[in-house]
């Protein structure tokens, strides 16, 4: 299992799963995404996005902390059903944080209704007033459209941590399949109390 940058040809696949999971597809660009891939089957297991926002307002003034003109957000992180609870999402997050680091960001933000999940990697909940203006607007939009309980979180990129159990799970991750339910006579409209299973020749 490994995580790589998304390819242009995966745009439709990404959009389909983003919509199915009810995730944020605003200003979609496939090149912003990473995808988790199973080496053995080449199956796609999960994905996530790093979104860079221009932090300057309409008047040209910067509104980000420390005078930076860009803000880094991690968003649209999803894991396909058969791959959950195996560290896939954790390694998607790790790849996004590494990308943020390589692009010179010391801080990454997330607007999420799953704060406990991100907290295990070092994200901390912050007050809305501590968000850069561009993300404060994003938070309001996200609450209205997708996640009413979303809260802002912030990570000092250098303080990212990967729980060891998630790293170990990822090494042996494999797709799971729910067993097909057994078909019963009732599924075919047969009343087992009265059916004789003889042909009606009348």
Protein backbone atom coordinates (compact mmCIF):
# COMPACT_ATOMS: atom_id res chain seq x y z
CA UNK A 1 0.00 0.00 0.00
CA UNK A 2 1.31 3.45 -0.87
CA UNK A 3 0.06 7.01 -1.45
CA UNK A 4 0.82 8.98 -4.62
CA UNK A 5 -0.33 12.12 -6.40
CA UNK A 6 -3.61 11.75 -8.27
CA UNK A 7 -3.51 11.51 -12.05
CA UNK A 8 -5.64 13.57 -14.41
CA UNK A 9 -7.42 10.44 -15.65
CA UNK A 10 -8.68 9.81 -12.10
CA UNK A 11 -10.81 12.96 -12.08
CA UNK A 12 -14.10 11.14 -12.69
CA UNK A 13 -13.29 8.48 -10.08
CA UNK A 14 -12.49 11.17 -7.52
CA UNK A 15 -15.63 13.18 -8.23
CA UNK A 16 -17.81 10.08 -8.02
CA UNK A 17 -16.46 9.13 -4.59
CA UNK A 18 -16.40 12.69 -3.27
CA UNK A 19 -20.10 12.99 -4.14
CA UNK A 20 -20.94 9.53 -2.75
CA UNK A 21 -19.25 10.37 0.58
CA UNK A 22 -20.75 13.85 0.80
CA UNK A 23 -17.34 15.53 0.81
CA UNK A 24 -16.33 18.98 -0.35
CA UNK A 25 -15.74 19.27 -4.10
CA UNK A 26 -15.59 23.07 -4.24
CA UNK A 27 -13.05 24.39 -6.78
CA UNK A 28 -12.15 20.81 -7.68
CA UNK A 29 -8.73 20.17 -9.25
CA UNK A 30 -7.50 16.60 -9.53
CA UNK A 31 -3.87 17.72 -9.22
CA UNK A 32 -4.56 18.83 -5.62
CA UNK A 33 -5.34 15.25 -4.58
CA UNK A 34 -3.38 12.23 -3.45
CA UNK A 35 -4.63 8.66 -3.79
CA UNK A 36 -3.88 5.56 -1.71
CA UNK A 37 -3.16 2.52 -3.90
CA UNK A 38 -2.95 -1.17 -3.06
CA UNK A 39 0.23 -2.52 -4.66
CA UNK A 40 -1.09 -6.04 -5.08
CA UNK A 41 -4.40 -5.28 -6.81
CA UNK A 42 -3.79 -1.69 -7.95
CA UNK A 43 -7.11 -0.84 -6.31
CA UNK A 44 -7.70 2.70 -5.09
CA UNK A 45 -8.38 2.76 -1.36
CA UNK A 46 -8.63 6.42 -0.35
CA UNK A 47 -7.84 10.01 -1.22
CA UNK A 48 -7.43 13.51 0.14
CA UNK A 49 -6.75 17.06 -0.95
CA UNK A 50 -4.41 19.87 -0.08
CA UNK A 51 -6.01 23.18 -1.00
CA UNK A 52 -3.97 26.37 -1.11
CA UNK A 53 -5.93 29.58 -0.56
CA UNK A 54 -4.83 33.07 -1.44
CA UNK A 55 -5.05 34.83 1.89
CA UNK A 56 -5.13 38.41 0.62
CA UNK A 57 -8.50 40.13 0.77
CA UNK A 58 -10.22 42.08 -1.97
CA UNK A 59 -8.28 45.18 -0.98
CA UNK A 60 -4.98 43.37 -1.52
CA UNK A 61 -4.06 43.20 2.15
CA UNK A 62 -2.92 39.88 3.57
CA UNK A 63 -5.16 38.45 6.26
CA UNK A 64 -3.21 35.32 7.12
CA UNK A 65 -1.21 34.85 10.27
CA UNK A 66 2.36 36.05 10.13
CA UNK A 67 1.72 38.03 6.94
CA UNK A 68 1.78 34.96 4.69
CA UNK A 69 -0.15 35.37 1.47
CA UNK A 70 -1.28 31.75 1.23
CA UNK A 71 -3.06 29.37 3.59
CA UNK A 72 -2.93 25.58 3.47
CA UNK A 73 -6.06 23.50 4.10
CA UNK A 74 -6.40 19.71 4.24
CA UNK A 75 -9.83 18.68 3.02
CA UNK A 76 -11.93 16.05 1.21
CA UNK A 77 -10.26 13.10 2.94
CA UNK A 78 -12.10 9.86 2.22
CA UNK A 79 -11.52 6.12 2.51
CA UNK A 80 -13.50 3.56 0.53
CA UNK A 81 -15.71 1.25 2.55
CA UNK A 82 -13.67 -1.93 2.20
CA UNK A 83 -10.46 -0.18 3.31
CA UNK A 84 -11.51 1.58 6.49
CA UNK A 85 -9.93 1.04 9.93
CA UNK A 86 -6.62 0.04 8.30
CA UNK A 87 -4.57 3.23 8.45
CA UNK A 88 -5.35 4.32 4.89
CA UNK A 89 -6.75 7.71 5.90
CA UNK A 90 -3.83 8.27 8.25
CA UNK A 91 -1.33 7.81 5.46
CA UNK A 92 -3.32 10.08 3.16
CA UNK A 93 -3.12 12.74 5.86
CA UNK A 94 0.61 12.11 6.28
CA UNK A 95 1.23 12.57 2.54
CA UNK A 96 -0.78 15.82 2.52
CA UNK A 97 1.17 17.15 5.51
CA UNK A 98 4.47 16.27 3.81
CA UNK A 99 3.30 18.13 0.71
CA UNK A 100 2.45 21.15 2.83
CA UNK A 101 5.90 21.00 4.40
CA UNK A 102 7.65 20.72 1.03
CA UNK A 103 5.74 23.77 -0.19
CA UNK A 104 6.97 25.80 2.74
CA UNK A 105 3.94 25.83 5.02
CA UNK A 106 4.59 25.69 8.74
CA UNK A 107 0.87 25.42 9.53
CA UNK A 108 -1.95 23.39 8.00
CA UNK A 109 -5.64 23.84 8.74
CA UNK A 110 -8.68 21.57 8.54
CA UNK A 111 -12.40 22.31 8.89
CA UNK A 112 -13.93 19.07 10.08
CA UNK A 113 -16.80 17.43 11.93
CA UNK A 114 -14.43 14.57 12.91
CA UNK A 115 -12.04 16.40 15.25
CA UNK A 116 -11.03 13.30 17.23
CA UNK A 117 -9.72 11.64 14.09
CA UNK A 118 -7.38 14.52 13.23
CA UNK A 119 -6.38 15.10 16.86
CA UNK A 120 -4.41 11.84 16.90
CA UNK A 121 -2.02 13.35 14.33
CA UNK A 122 -1.39 16.53 16.31
CA UNK A 123 -4.21 18.77 15.06
CA UNK A 124 -5.67 21.05 17.70
CA UNK A 125 -9.08 22.71 17.77
CA UNK A 126 -8.86 26.49 17.60
CA UNK A 127 -11.28 29.37 17.96
CA UNK A 128 -12.95 30.67 14.83
CA UNK A 129 -11.45 34.09 15.49
CA UNK A 130 -7.98 32.55 15.08
CA UNK A 131 -8.69 31.44 11.51
CA UNK A 132 -7.39 33.41 8.55
CA UNK A 133 -10.33 35.27 7.01
CA UNK A 134 -10.43 33.07 3.91
CA UNK A 135 -10.92 29.98 6.08
CA UNK A 136 -13.46 31.67 8.32
CA UNK A 137 -15.56 32.19 5.19
CA UNK A 138 -14.92 28.59 4.15
CA UNK A 139 -16.06 27.36 7.55
CA UNK A 140 -19.36 29.22 7.27
CA UNK A 141 -19.92 27.81 3.78
CA UNK A 142 -19.04 24.29 4.84
CA UNK A 143 -21.40 24.40 7.80
CA UNK A 144 -24.22 25.60 5.56
CA UNK A 145 -23.64 23.08 2.78
CA UNK A 146 -22.04 19.91 4.15
CA UNK A 147 -21.06 19.72 7.80
CA UNK A 148 -23.11 21.75 10.30
CA UNK A 149 -20.86 20.62 13.16
CA UNK A 150 -17.54 21.40 11.48
CA UNK A 151 -14.92 23.05 13.67
CA UNK A 152 -11.57 24.63 12.78
CA UNK A 153 -8.35 22.75 13.57
CA UNK A 154 -4.70 23.62 13.12
CA UNK A 155 -1.52 21.60 12.88
CA UNK A 156 2.04 22.78 13.26
CA UNK A 157 3.45 20.76 10.38
CA UNK A 158 6.67 19.91 12.20
CA UNK A 159 4.61 18.39 15.03
CA UNK A 160 2.72 15.87 12.90
CA UNK A 161 2.75 12.41 14.45
CA UNK A 162 1.67 9.04 13.09
CA UNK A 163 0.27 6.60 15.67
CA UNK A 164 2.36 3.44 15.42
CA UNK A 165 -0.67 1.14 15.29
CA UNK A 166 -1.93 2.94 12.17
CA UNK A 167 1.44 2.59 10.50
CA UNK A 168 1.44 -1.14 11.22
CA UNK A 169 -2.12 -1.62 9.96
CA UNK A 170 -1.26 0.14 6.73
CA UNK A 171 1.57 -2.29 6.03
CA UNK A 172 -0.87 -5.20 5.86
CA UNK A 173 -4.00 -3.40 4.67
CA UNK A 174 -6.31 -5.48 2.50
CA UNK A 175 -9.74 -4.84 1.09
CA UNK A 176 -12.55 -6.46 3.02
CA UNK A 177 -15.83 -7.55 1.51
CA UNK A 178 -19.08 -7.92 3.35
CA UNK A 179 -20.56 -11.38 2.76
CA UNK A 180 -23.53 -11.52 0.44
CA UNK A 181 -26.74 -12.05 2.42
CA UNK A 182 -28.28 -15.47 1.97
CA UNK A 183 -31.39 -15.47 -0.17
CA UNK A 184 -34.50 -16.74 1.57
CA UNK A 185 -37.86 -17.88 0.16
CA UNK A 186 -39.34 -14.61 1.43
CA UNK A 187 -37.03 -12.71 -0.91
CA UNK A 188 -38.97 -14.29 -3.77
CA UNK A 189 -42.39 -13.66 -2.29
CA UNK A 190 -42.87 -17.22 -1.04
CA UNK A 191 -44.83 -17.75 2.15
CA UNK A 192 -43.02 -20.64 3.80
CA UNK A 193 -46.00 -21.38 6.07
CA UNK A 194 -48.40 -22.06 3.21
CA UNK A 195 -46.25 -22.95 0.21
CA UNK A 196 -46.31 -26.58 -0.94
CA UNK A 197 -43.56 -26.13 -3.57
CA UNK A 198 -45.72 -28.18 -5.99
CA UNK A 199 -46.50 -26.99 -9.47
CA UNK A 200 -49.94 -25.51 -9.83
CA UNK A 201 -51.44 -27.34 -12.78
CA UNK A 202 -54.93 -26.06 -12.29
